[in-house]
Amino acid sequence: MPKAIPVQLLNALGLPGKSTCFLIKIKSILTGVVYGFTTLDAVVRFNDGEGMMVYRPHNVLKPQNIQSTYRISEPDNTELHGWFDDSVAQAINSGLLGAAELTIYRVAYQHLEFGAEIVGFGTVGKAEFSANKQGMRKIQFRGLSEKLRFKRNPVFSITCRNEFGDERCGKPFIWHAGTITEVYDNLLAFKVTGIPQPNDYFNFGVARFMAGDNANVQMEIEDWDADGYVKLGFVTPYAITPGPLYLRQDCDKLDVTCFTLYNNMINFNGEHMTPVQDQSLMIPGAYIKSQGAL
């Protein structure tokens, strides 16, 4: 199937000495924030139908070896090489650009009214960059055809396959607002006030930071004490600072938890009554009779 390119732009691309550039748009599916990149050495203001977007030259990402094919075995993936500022790097470290929408346009920058060629549409994959701000930075582009390569078969599991809080689960998140007043470890431990809950109440729950460099970052809670002490299961992308945050419980996907804690067994999506071997009885040699035994 031929690619749909606006007629005026198609004619412009066929002219010698054409003046074109790439525009890269990355949209976070978590926050809705949009980032614009261009290979042109000037600011480009372009409306792709979703609103006017500013593509600035200090954020540069250039597609490498673009090649599209009808073969599913050869997905249209590529890498975007260039440089981006610390705000984009922070969004990547915070997980805000995980599986973000990524669109690659090609435009005639002297005639933006001609429209754009959609070179690629997909999602953000792996990102690579060093602490050296002068070093090359890379973002992987994953085309939609890659998703067709993965087989999806019916599965069964002892635990629930729903994601806690999604449409199939049906349980709303209950966030508890608090304030970080003391920091014991810059990346792992701190004290929260304003949330009177008993010991272990938020264990394996979620902490969401609302201010500072970690704003909107969500981390797993390893330990919660009634006095407000919080220890995270993993280090944060940036140093923890005093400020507001939210805490909530999560689900371990066990039928017991679904029944006793959330009263939501009607939406439990697992085969929890499937017979399994008792691991506690599986002792090597325990059932082998010794010589001469009855």
C-alpha atoms as a PDB file:
ATOM      1  CA  MET A   1       0.000   0.000   0.000  1.00  0.00           C
ATOM      2  CA  PRO A   2       1.552   3.351  -1.017  1.00  0.00           C
ATOM      3  CA  LYS A   3       2.285   5.946   1.645  1.00  0.00           C
ATOM      4  CA  ALA A   4      -0.112   8.902   1.780  1.00  0.00           C
ATOM      5  CA  ILE A   5       1.883  12.136   1.304  1.00  0.00           C
ATOM      6  CA  PRO A   6       0.250  15.526   0.630  1.00  0.00           C
ATOM      7  CA  VAL A   7       0.485  16.318  -3.100  1.00  0.00           C
ATOM      8  CA  GLN A   8       2.202  19.683  -2.648  1.00  0.00           C
ATOM      9  CA  LEU A   9       4.790  18.160  -0.332  1.00  0.00           C
ATOM     10  CA  LEU A  10       5.341  15.241  -2.700  1.00  0.00           C
ATOM     11  CA  ASN A  11       6.050  17.668  -5.534  1.00  0.00           C
ATOM     12  CA  ALA A  12       8.431  19.644  -3.311  1.00  0.00           C
ATOM     13  CA  LEU A  13      10.325  16.481  -2.352  1.00  0.00           C
ATOM     14  CA  GLY A  14      10.870  15.722  -6.019  1.00  0.00           C
ATOM     15  CA  LEU A  15      12.568  19.039  -6.748  1.00  0.00           C
ATOM     16  CA  PRO A  16      16.367  19.342  -6.814  1.00  0.00           C
ATOM     17  CA  GLY A  17      17.887  21.110  -3.830  1.00  0.00           C
ATOM     18  CA  LYS A  18      14.875  20.430  -1.672  1.00  0.00           C
ATOM     19  CA  SER A  19      14.812  22.008   1.804  1.00  0.00           C
ATOM     20  CA  THR A  20      13.497  19.392   4.239  1.00  0.00           C
ATOM     21  CA  CYS A  21      14.053  18.425   7.860  1.00  0.00           C
ATOM     22  CA  PHE A  22      12.822  15.891  10.361  1.00  0.00           C
ATOM     23  CA  LEU A  23      10.499  16.730  13.238  1.00  0.00           C
ATOM     24  CA  ILE A  24      10.334  14.308  16.151  1.00  0.00           C
ATOM     25  CA  LYS A  25       7.385  14.470  18.549  1.00  0.00           C
ATOM     26  CA  ILE A  26       7.360  12.439  21.764  1.00  0.00           C
ATOM     27  CA  LYS A  27       4.193  12.445  23.877  1.00  0.00           C
ATOM     28  CA  SER A  28       4.103  10.960  27.370  1.00  0.00           C
ATOM     29  CA  ILE A  29       1.123   8.635  27.885  1.00  0.00           C
ATOM     30  CA  LEU A  30       1.359   9.283  31.641  1.00  0.00           C
ATOM     31  CA  THR A  31       1.401  13.077  31.816  1.00  0.00           C
ATOM     32  CA  GLY A  32       0.432  14.165  28.303  1.00  0.00           C
ATOM     33  CA  VAL A  33       3.526  16.391  28.090  1.00  0.00           C
ATOM     34  CA  VAL A  34       4.865  16.707  24.524  1.00  0.00           C
ATOM     35  CA  TYR A  35       8.536  17.149  23.582  1.00  0.00           C
ATOM     36  CA  GLY A  36       9.635  18.461  20.181  1.00  0.00           C
ATOM     37  CA  PHE A  37      12.928  17.798  18.388  1.00  0.00           C
ATOM     38  CA  THR A  38      14.167  18.976  15.004  1.00  0.00           C
ATOM     39  CA  THR A  39      17.181  18.410  12.753  1.00  0.00           C
ATOM     40  CA  LEU A  40      16.952  22.021  11.534  1.00  0.00           C
ATOM     41  CA  ASP A  41      19.188  24.678  13.098  1.00  0.00           C
ATOM     42  CA  ALA A  42      16.205  26.955  13.710  1.00  0.00           C
ATOM     43  CA  VAL A  43      12.921  26.873  15.593  1.00  0.00           C
ATOM     44  CA  VAL A  44      10.090  25.158  13.693  1.00  0.00           C
ATOM     45  CA  ARG A  45       6.450  25.809  14.562  1.00  0.00           C
ATOM     46  CA  PHE A  46       4.238  23.155  13.015  1.00  0.00           C
ATOM     47  CA  ASN A  47       0.618  22.084  13.501  1.00  0.00           C
ATOM     48  CA  ASP A  48       0.119  18.366  12.794  1.00  0.00           C
ATOM     49  CA  GLY A  49      -3.602  18.516  13.461  1.00  0.00           C
ATOM     50  CA  GLU A  50      -3.317  18.094  17.219  1.00  0.00           C
ATOM     51  CA  GLY A  51      -2.307  21.691  17.883  1.00  0.00           C
ATOM     52  CA  MET A  52       0.646  23.989  17.286  1.00  0.00           C
ATOM     53  CA  MET A  53       3.942  22.501  18.479  1.00  0.00           C
ATOM     54  CA  VAL A  54       7.332  24.194  18.803  1.00  0.00           C
ATOM     55  CA  TYR A  55      10.313  22.101  17.726  1.00  0.00           C
ATOM     56  CA  ARG A  56      13.503  23.663  19.080  1.00  0.00           C
ATOM     57  CA  PRO A  57      17.015  23.168  17.652  1.00  0.00           C
ATOM     58  CA  HIS A  58      18.703  22.641  21.037  1.00  0.00           C
ATOM     59  CA  ASN A  59      16.905  19.277  21.197  1.00  0.00           C
ATOM     60  CA  VAL A  60      18.186  17.298  18.213  1.00  0.00           C
ATOM     61  CA  LEU A  61      17.326  13.685  17.365  1.00  0.00           C
ATOM     62  CA  LYS A  62      18.018  12.319  13.889  1.00  0.00           C
ATOM     63  CA  PRO A  63      16.590   8.987  12.664  1.00  0.00           C
ATOM     64  CA  GLN A  64      19.192   6.464  11.567  1.00  0.00           C
ATOM     65  CA  ASN A  65      18.787   4.084   8.602  1.00  0.00           C
ATOM     66  CA  ILE A  66      15.037   4.428   8.155  1.00  0.00           C
ATOM     67  CA  GLN A  67      13.659   1.510   6.156  1.00  0.00           C
ATOM     68  CA  SER A  68      10.061   0.347   6.005  1.00  0.00           C
ATOM     69  CA  THR A  69       8.995  -3.074   4.779  1.00  0.00           C
ATOM     70  CA  TYR A  70       5.815  -5.108   4.505  1.00  0.00           C
ATOM     71  CA  ARG A  71       7.522  -8.090   6.136  1.00  0.00           C
ATOM     72  CA  ILE A  72       6.525  -8.551   9.762  1.00  0.00           C
ATOM     73  CA  SER A  73       9.789 -10.416  10.323  1.00  0.00           C
ATOM     74  CA  GLU A  74      11.624  -7.166   9.562  1.00  0.00           C
ATOM     75  CA  PRO A  75      10.110  -4.562  11.904  1.00  0.00           C
ATOM     76  CA  ASP A  76      10.597  -0.885  11.112  1.00  0.00           C
ATOM     77  CA  ASN A  77      12.680  -0.096  14.181  1.00  0.00           C
ATOM     78  CA  THR A  78      15.505   2.424  14.265  1.00  0.00           C
ATOM     79  CA  GLU A  79      17.469   4.646  16.617  1.00  0.00           C
ATOM     80  CA  LEU A  80      17.339   8.401  17.028  1.00  0.00           C
ATOM     81  CA  HIS A  81      20.773   9.907  17.650  1.00  0.00           C
ATOM     82  CA  GLY A  82      21.491  13.418  18.862  1.00  0.00           C
ATOM     83  CA  TRP A  83      21.247  15.440  22.021  1.00  0.00           C
ATOM     84  CA  PHE A  84      18.529  16.573  24.398  1.00  0.00           C
ATOM     85  CA  ASP A  85      18.488  18.770  27.478  1.00  0.00           C
ATOM     86  CA  ASP A  86      18.247  17.814  31.145  1.00  0.00           C
ATOM     87  CA  SER A  87      14.449  18.164  31.283  1.00  0.00           C
ATOM     88  CA  VAL A  88      14.098  15.326  28.778  1.00  0.00           C
ATOM     89  CA  ALA A  89      16.779  13.267  30.546  1.00  0.00           C
ATOM     90  CA  GLN A  90      14.916  13.732  33.837  1.00  0.00           C
ATOM     91  CA  ALA A  91      11.647  12.606  32.245  1.00  0.00           C
ATOM     92  CA  ILE A  92      13.377   9.469  30.953  1.00  0.00           C
ATOM     93  CA  ASN A  93      14.961   8.690  34.337  1.00  0.00           C
ATOM     94  CA  SER A  94      11.604   9.192  36.044  1.00  0.00           C
ATOM     95  CA  GLY A  95       9.895   6.715  33.726  1.00  0.00           C
ATOM     96  CA  LEU A  96       7.576   9.350  32.272  1.00  0.00           C
ATOM     97  CA  LEU A  97       8.551   8.506  28.697  1.00  0.00           C
ATOM     98  CA  GLY A  98       8.196   4.736  29.001  1.00  0.00           C
ATOM     99  CA  ALA A  99       6.287   3.512  25.917  1.00  0.00           C
ATOM    100  CA  ALA A 100       5.570   7.146  24.995  1.00  0.00           C
ATOM    101  CA  GLU A 101       4.101   7.879  21.572  1.00  0.00           C
ATOM    102  CA  LEU A 102       6.818   8.785  19.054  1.00  0.00           C
ATOM    103  CA  THR A 103       6.077  10.350  15.669  1.00  0.00           C
ATOM    104  CA  ILE A 104       8.662  11.126  12.985  1.00  0.00           C
ATOM    105  CA  TYR A 105       7.657  13.774  10.428  1.00  0.00           C
ATOM    106  CA  ARG A 106       9.455  15.077   7.361  1.00  0.00           C
ATOM    107  CA  VAL A 107       8.512  18.596   6.279  1.00  0.00           C
ATOM    108  CA  ALA A 108       9.602  21.239   3.787  1.00  0.00           C
ATOM    109  CA  TYR A 109      10.591  23.825   6.361  1.00  0.00           C
ATOM    110  CA  GLN A 110      10.212  26.748   3.928  1.00  0.00           C
ATOM    111  CA  HIS A 111       6.664  25.637   3.097  1.00  0.00           C
ATOM    112  CA  LEU A 112       5.151  24.149   6.242  1.00  0.00           C
ATOM    113  CA  GLU A 113       1.714  24.753   4.750  1.00  0.00           C
ATOM    114  CA  PHE A 114       2.395  21.771   2.465  1.00  0.00           C
ATOM    115  CA  GLY A 115       1.869  19.435   5.418  1.00  0.00           C
ATOM    116  CA  ALA A 116       4.060  16.554   6.554  1.00  0.00           C
ATOM    117  CA  GLU A 117       5.104  13.069   5.586  1.00  0.00           C
ATOM    118  CA  ILE A 118       4.684  10.624   8.461  1.00  0.00           C
ATOM    119  CA  VAL A 119       7.971   8.757   8.283  1.00  0.00           C
ATOM    120  CA  GLY A 120       7.217   6.623  11.316  1.00  0.00           C
ATOM    121  CA  PHE A 121       4.814   6.226  14.218  1.00  0.00           C
ATOM    122  CA  GLY A 122       5.443   3.994  17.206  1.00  0.00           C
ATOM    123  CA  THR A 123       6.675   4.050  20.764  1.00  0.00           C
ATOM    124  CA  VAL A 124       9.806   4.944  22.687  1.00  0.00           C
ATOM    125  CA  GLY A 125      12.031   1.997  23.500  1.00  0.00           C
ATOM    126  CA  LYS A 126      15.389   1.948  25.224  1.00  0.00           C
ATOM    127  CA  ALA A 127      17.176   5.240  25.908  1.00  0.00           C
ATOM    128  CA  GLU A 128      20.938   5.573  26.291  1.00  0.00           C
ATOM    129  CA  PHE A 129      22.939   8.552  27.488  1.00  0.00           C
ATOM    130  CA  SER A 130      25.892   9.150  29.774  1.00  0.00           C
ATOM    131  CA  ALA A 131      26.356  11.586  32.622  1.00  0.00           C
ATOM    132  CA  ASN A 132      28.583  13.631  30.294  1.00  0.00           C
ATOM    133  CA  LYS A 133      26.295  16.320  28.913  1.00  0.00           C
ATOM    134  CA  GLN A 134      28.405  16.553  25.763  1.00  0.00           C
ATOM    135  CA  GLY A 135      28.036  12.867  24.926  1.00  0.00           C
ATOM    136  CA  MET A 136      25.800  11.338  22.262  1.00  0.00           C
ATOM    137  CA  ARG A 137      22.274  10.497  23.379  1.00  0.00           C
ATOM    138  CA  LYS A 138      20.087   7.821  21.809  1.00  0.00           C
ATOM    139  CA  ILE A 139      16.420   6.869  21.892  1.00  0.00           C
ATOM    140  CA  GLN A 140      15.111   3.672  20.325  1.00  0.00           C
ATOM    141  CA  PHE A 141      12.109   3.903  18.016  1.00  0.00           C
ATOM    142  CA  ARG A 142       9.834   0.865  17.963  1.00  0.00           C
ATOM    143  CA  GLY A 143       7.429   0.683  15.043  1.00  0.00           C
ATOM    144  CA  LEU A 144       3.924  -0.676  15.310  1.00  0.00           C
ATOM    145  CA  SER A 145       4.804  -3.703  13.170  1.00  0.00           C
ATOM    146  CA  GLU A 146       7.028  -4.965  15.990  1.00  0.00           C
ATOM    147  CA  LYS A 147       3.963  -5.606  18.136  1.00  0.00           C
ATOM    148  CA  LEU A 148       2.644  -8.023  15.527  1.00  0.00           C
ATOM    149  CA  ARG A 149       5.671 -10.253  16.019  1.00  0.00           C
ATOM    150  CA  PHE A 150       4.696 -11.237  19.545  1.00  0.00           C
ATOM    151  CA  LYS A 151       2.204 -14.035  19.960  1.00  0.00           C
ATOM    152  CA  ARG A 152      -0.500 -13.662  22.557  1.00  0.00           C
ATOM    153  CA  ASN A 153      -1.899 -16.987  23.747  1.00  0.00           C
ATOM    154  CA  PRO A 154      -4.494 -17.701  26.407  1.00  0.00           C
ATOM    155  CA  VAL A 155      -2.761 -18.233  29.729  1.00  0.00           C
ATOM    156  CA  PHE A 156      -3.744 -19.299  33.216  1.00  0.00           C
ATOM    157  CA  SER A 157      -2.209 -18.304  36.502  1.00  0.00           C
ATOM    158  CA  ILE A 158      -2.697 -18.843  40.202  1.00  0.00           C
ATOM    159  CA  THR A 159      -2.499 -15.092  40.795  1.00  0.00           C
ATOM    160  CA  CYS A 160      -4.722 -12.414  39.297  1.00  0.00           C
ATOM    161  CA  ARG A 161      -3.773 -11.184  35.817  1.00  0.00           C
ATOM    162  CA  ASN A 162      -5.488  -7.824  36.243  1.00  0.00           C
ATOM    163  CA  GLU A 163      -3.460  -4.749  36.993  1.00  0.00           C
ATOM    164  CA  PHE A 164      -4.586  -3.324  40.323  1.00  0.00           C
ATOM    165  CA  GLY A 165      -6.908  -0.382  39.687  1.00  0.00           C
ATOM    166  CA  ASP A 166      -7.489  -1.045  35.968  1.00  0.00           C
ATOM    167  CA  GLU A 167     -10.896  -1.377  34.312  1.00  0.00           C
ATOM    168  CA  ARG A 168     -11.073  -5.137  34.814  1.00  0.00           C
ATOM    169  CA  CYS A 169     -10.076  -4.890  38.472  1.00  0.00           C
ATOM    170  CA  GLY A 170     -12.527  -2.094  39.195  1.00  0.00           C
ATOM    171  CA  LYS A 171     -10.953  -0.970  42.464  1.00  0.00           C
ATOM    172  CA  PRO A 172     -10.089   2.740  42.686  1.00  0.00           C
ATOM    173  CA  PHE A 173      -6.750   3.931  44.034  1.00  0.00           C
ATOM    174  CA  ILE A 174      -7.072   5.363  47.531  1.00  0.00           C
ATOM    175  CA  TRP A 175      -4.248   7.863  47.976  1.00  0.00           C
ATOM    176  CA  HIS A 176      -3.231   9.219  51.385  1.00  0.00           C
ATOM    177  CA  ALA A 177      -1.748  12.712  51.358  1.00  0.00           C
ATOM    178  CA  GLY A 178       1.291  13.357  53.533  1.00  0.00           C
ATOM    179  CA  THR A 179       4.460  15.413  53.777  1.00  0.00           C
ATOM    180  CA  ILE A 180       8.096  14.365  53.816  1.00  0.00           C
ATOM    181  CA  THR A 181       9.614  16.114  56.833  1.00  0.00           C
ATOM    182  CA  GLU A 182      12.902  14.235  57.309  1.00  0.00           C
ATOM    183  CA  VAL A 183      15.203  12.399  54.927  1.00  0.00           C
ATOM    184  CA  TYR A 184      17.298   9.545  56.362  1.00  0.00           C
ATOM    185  CA  ASP A 185      18.703   8.314  53.051  1.00  0.00           C
ATOM    186  CA  ASN A 186      18.777  10.593  50.015  1.00  0.00           C
ATOM    187  CA  LEU A 187      17.510   7.845  47.734  1.00  0.00           C
ATOM    188  CA  LEU A 188      15.732   5.298  49.939  1.00  0.00           C
ATOM    189  CA  ALA A 189      14.373   6.331  53.349  1.00  0.00           C
ATOM    190  CA  PHE A 190      12.447   9.245  54.809  1.00  0.00           C
ATOM    191  CA  LYS A 191       9.799  10.206  57.372  1.00  0.00           C
ATOM    192  CA  VAL A 192       6.215  11.188  56.504  1.00  0.00           C
ATOM    193  CA  THR A 193       3.751  13.125  58.646  1.00  0.00           C
ATOM    194  CA  GLY A 194      -0.007  13.426  58.276  1.00  0.00           C
ATOM    195  CA  ILE A 195      -0.777   9.751  57.527  1.00  0.00           C
ATOM    196  CA  PRO A 196      -1.898   7.875  60.676  1.00  0.00           C
ATOM    197  CA  GLN A 197      -1.792   4.224  59.603  1.00  0.00           C
ATOM    198  CA  PRO A 198      -0.541   1.141  61.510  1.00  0.00           C
ATOM    199  CA  ASN A 199       2.717  -0.730  60.950  1.00  0.00           C
ATOM    200  CA  ASP A 200       3.066  -2.503  57.576  1.00  0.00           C
ATOM    201  CA  TYR A 201      -0.066  -0.808  56.197  1.00  0.00           C
ATOM    202  CA  PHE A 202       1.690   0.430  53.053  1.00  0.00           C
ATOM    203  CA  ASN A 203       4.166  -2.434  52.691  1.00  0.00           C
ATOM    204  CA  PHE A 204       4.632  -3.184  48.978  1.00  0.00           C
ATOM    205  CA  GLY A 205       2.412  -0.223  48.204  1.00  0.00           C
ATOM    206  CA  VAL A 206       3.253   2.846  46.149  1.00  0.00           C
ATOM    207  CA  ALA A 207       4.733   6.235  47.009  1.00  0.00           C
ATOM    208  CA  ARG A 208       4.149   9.084  44.559  1.00  0.00           C
ATOM    209  CA  PHE A 209       6.317  12.178  44.898  1.00  0.00           C
ATOM    210  CA  MET A 210       4.608  15.476  44.120  1.00  0.00           C
ATOM    211  CA  ALA A 211       7.466  17.996  44.162  1.00  0.00           C
ATOM    212  CA  GLY A 212      11.173  18.356  43.464  1.00  0.00           C
ATOM    213  CA  ASP A 213      13.193  16.500  40.844  1.00  0.00           C
ATOM    214  CA  ASN A 214      11.211  13.301  41.567  1.00  0.00           C
ATOM    215  CA  ALA A 215       7.827  14.908  40.839  1.00  0.00           C
ATOM    216  CA  ASN A 216       5.323  12.313  39.505  1.00  0.00           C
ATOM    217  CA  VAL A 217       7.758   9.453  40.129  1.00  0.00           C
ATOM    218  CA  GLN A 218       6.105   6.384  41.679  1.00  0.00           C
ATOM    219  CA  MET A 219       8.192   3.955  43.739  1.00  0.00           C
ATOM    220  CA  GLU A 220       7.450   0.710  45.582  1.00  0.00           C
ATOM    221  CA  ILE A 221       7.373   0.873  49.386  1.00  0.00           C
ATOM    222  CA  GLU A 222       9.313  -1.858  51.145  1.00  0.00           C
ATOM    223  CA  ASP A 223       8.582  -0.946  54.747  1.00  0.00           C
ATOM    224  CA  TRP A 224       6.132   1.340  56.557  1.00  0.00           C
ATOM    225  CA  ASP A 225       6.077   2.114  60.281  1.00  0.00           C
ATOM    226  CA  ALA A 226       3.267   3.752  62.209  1.00  0.00           C
ATOM    227  CA  ASP A 227       5.563   6.646  63.135  1.00  0.00           C
ATOM    228  CA  GLY A 228       5.833   7.563  59.433  1.00  0.00           C
ATOM    229  CA  TYR A 229       9.116   5.885  58.562  1.00  0.00           C
ATOM    230  CA  VAL A 230       9.197   4.835  54.893  1.00  0.00           C
ATOM    231  CA  LYS A 231      11.799   2.670  53.195  1.00  0.00           C
ATOM    232  CA  LEU A 232      11.579   2.232  49.436  1.00  0.00           C
ATOM    233  CA  GLY A 233      12.253  -0.997  47.586  1.00  0.00           C
ATOM    234  CA  PHE A 234      14.389   0.756  44.949  1.00  0.00           C
ATOM    235  CA  VAL A 235      16.386   3.980  44.817  1.00  0.00           C
ATOM    236  CA  THR A 236      14.756   7.086  43.359  1.00  0.00           C
ATOM    237  CA  PRO A 237      16.082   8.709  40.168  1.00  0.00           C
ATOM    238  CA  TYR A 238      17.026  11.855  42.083  1.00  0.00           C
ATOM    239  CA  ALA A 239      17.713  12.827  45.677  1.00  0.00           C
ATOM    240  CA  ILE A 240      14.637  12.891  47.933  1.00  0.00           C
ATOM    241  CA  THR A 241      13.740  16.316  49.324  1.00  0.00           C
ATOM    242  CA  PRO A 242      11.109  17.418  51.882  1.00  0.00           C
ATOM    243  CA  GLY A 243       7.731  18.099  50.339  1.00  0.00           C
ATOM    244  CA  PRO A 244       4.281  16.654  49.602  1.00  0.00           C
ATOM    245  CA  LEU A 245       3.666  13.080  48.476  1.00  0.00           C
ATOM    246  CA  TYR A 246       0.920  10.473  48.293  1.00  0.00           C
ATOM    247  CA  LEU A 247       0.936   6.871  49.520  1.00  0.00           C
ATOM    248  CA  ARG A 248      -1.407   4.030  48.663  1.00  0.00           C
ATOM    249  CA  GLN A 249      -1.764   0.310  49.172  1.00  0.00           C
ATOM    250  CA  ASP A 250      -1.263  -2.077  46.278  1.00  0.00           C
ATOM    251  CA  CYS A 251      -2.285  -5.674  45.599  1.00  0.00           C
ATOM    252  CA  ASP A 252      -0.133  -8.821  45.668  1.00  0.00           C
ATOM    253  CA  LYS A 253      -2.648 -10.460  43.260  1.00  0.00           C
ATOM    254  CA  LEU A 254      -3.427 -13.344  45.636  1.00  0.00           C
ATOM    255  CA  ASP A 255      -6.999 -14.534  46.036  1.00  0.00           C
ATOM    256  CA  VAL A 256      -6.758 -14.196  49.818  1.00  0.00           C
ATOM    257  CA  THR A 257      -5.857 -10.517  49.525  1.00  0.00           C
ATOM    258  CA  CYS A 258      -8.571  -9.901  46.952  1.00  0.00           C
ATOM    259  CA  PHE A 259     -11.191 -11.491  49.217  1.00  0.00           C
ATOM    260  CA  THR A 260     -10.203 -10.256  52.682  1.00  0.00           C
ATOM    261  CA  LEU A 261      -8.696  -6.828  51.954  1.00  0.00           C
ATOM    262  CA  TYR A 262     -10.571  -5.613  48.886  1.00  0.00           C
ATOM    263  CA  ASN A 263     -13.747  -7.754  48.819  1.00  0.00           C
ATOM    264  CA  ASN A 264     -13.351  -8.003  45.057  1.00  0.00           C
ATOM    265  CA  MET A 265     -13.339 -11.732  44.259  1.00  0.00           C
ATOM    266  CA  ILE A 266     -16.027 -11.204  41.617  1.00  0.00           C
ATOM    267  CA  ASN A 267     -13.370  -9.474  39.499  1.00  0.00           C
ATOM    268  CA  PHE A 268     -10.499 -11.831  40.362  1.00  0.00           C
ATOM    269  CA  ASN A 269      -8.928 -12.856  37.052  1.00  0.00           C
ATOM    270  CA  GLY A 270      -6.976 -15.992  37.906  1.00  0.00           C
ATOM    271  CA  GLU A 271      -7.327 -19.735  38.401  1.00  0.00           C
ATOM    272  CA  HIS A 272      -6.486 -19.804  42.104  1.00  0.00           C
ATOM    273  CA  MET A 273      -8.001 -23.255  42.661  1.00  0.00           C
ATOM    274  CA  THR A 274      -5.718 -24.983  40.150  1.00  0.00           C
ATOM    275  CA  PRO A 275      -4.067 -27.981  41.915  1.00  0.00           C
ATOM    276  CA  VAL A 276      -0.351 -27.484  42.464  1.00  0.00           C
ATOM    277  CA  GLN A 277       2.329 -29.563  44.115  1.00  0.00           C
ATOM    278  CA  ASP A 278       3.030 -28.802  47.739  1.00  0.00           C
ATOM    279  CA  GLN A 279       6.518 -27.368  47.632  1.00  0.00           C
ATOM    280  CA  SER A 280       7.006 -27.950  51.342  1.00  0.00           C
ATOM    281  CA  LEU A 281       6.854 -31.745  50.787  1.00  0.00           C
ATOM    282  CA  MET A 282       9.253 -31.801  47.853  1.00  0.00           C
ATOM    283  CA  ILE A 283      12.376 -32.874  49.758  1.00  0.00           C
ATOM    284  CA  PRO A 284      14.962 -34.690  47.618  1.00  0.00           C
ATOM    285  CA  GLY A 285      15.027 -38.403  48.539  1.00  0.00           C
ATOM    286  CA  ALA A 286      12.259 -38.101  51.127  1.00  0.00           C
ATOM    287  CA  TYR A 287      10.087 -40.710  49.424  1.00  0.00           C
ATOM    288  CA  ILE A 288      12.809 -43.202  48.408  1.00  0.00           C
ATOM    289  CA  LYS A 289      12.725 -46.275  50.653  1.00  0.00           C
ATOM    290  CA  SER A 290      16.028 -47.377  52.090  1.00  0.00           C
ATOM    291  CA  GLN A 291      17.235 -50.933  51.556  1.00  0.00           C
ATOM    292  CA  GLY A 292      15.353 -53.407  53.732  1.00  0.00           C
ATOM    293  CA  ALA A 293      12.674 -50.876  54.742  1.00  0.00           C
ATOM    294  CA  LEU A 294       9.010 -51.955  54.906  1.00  0.00           C
END
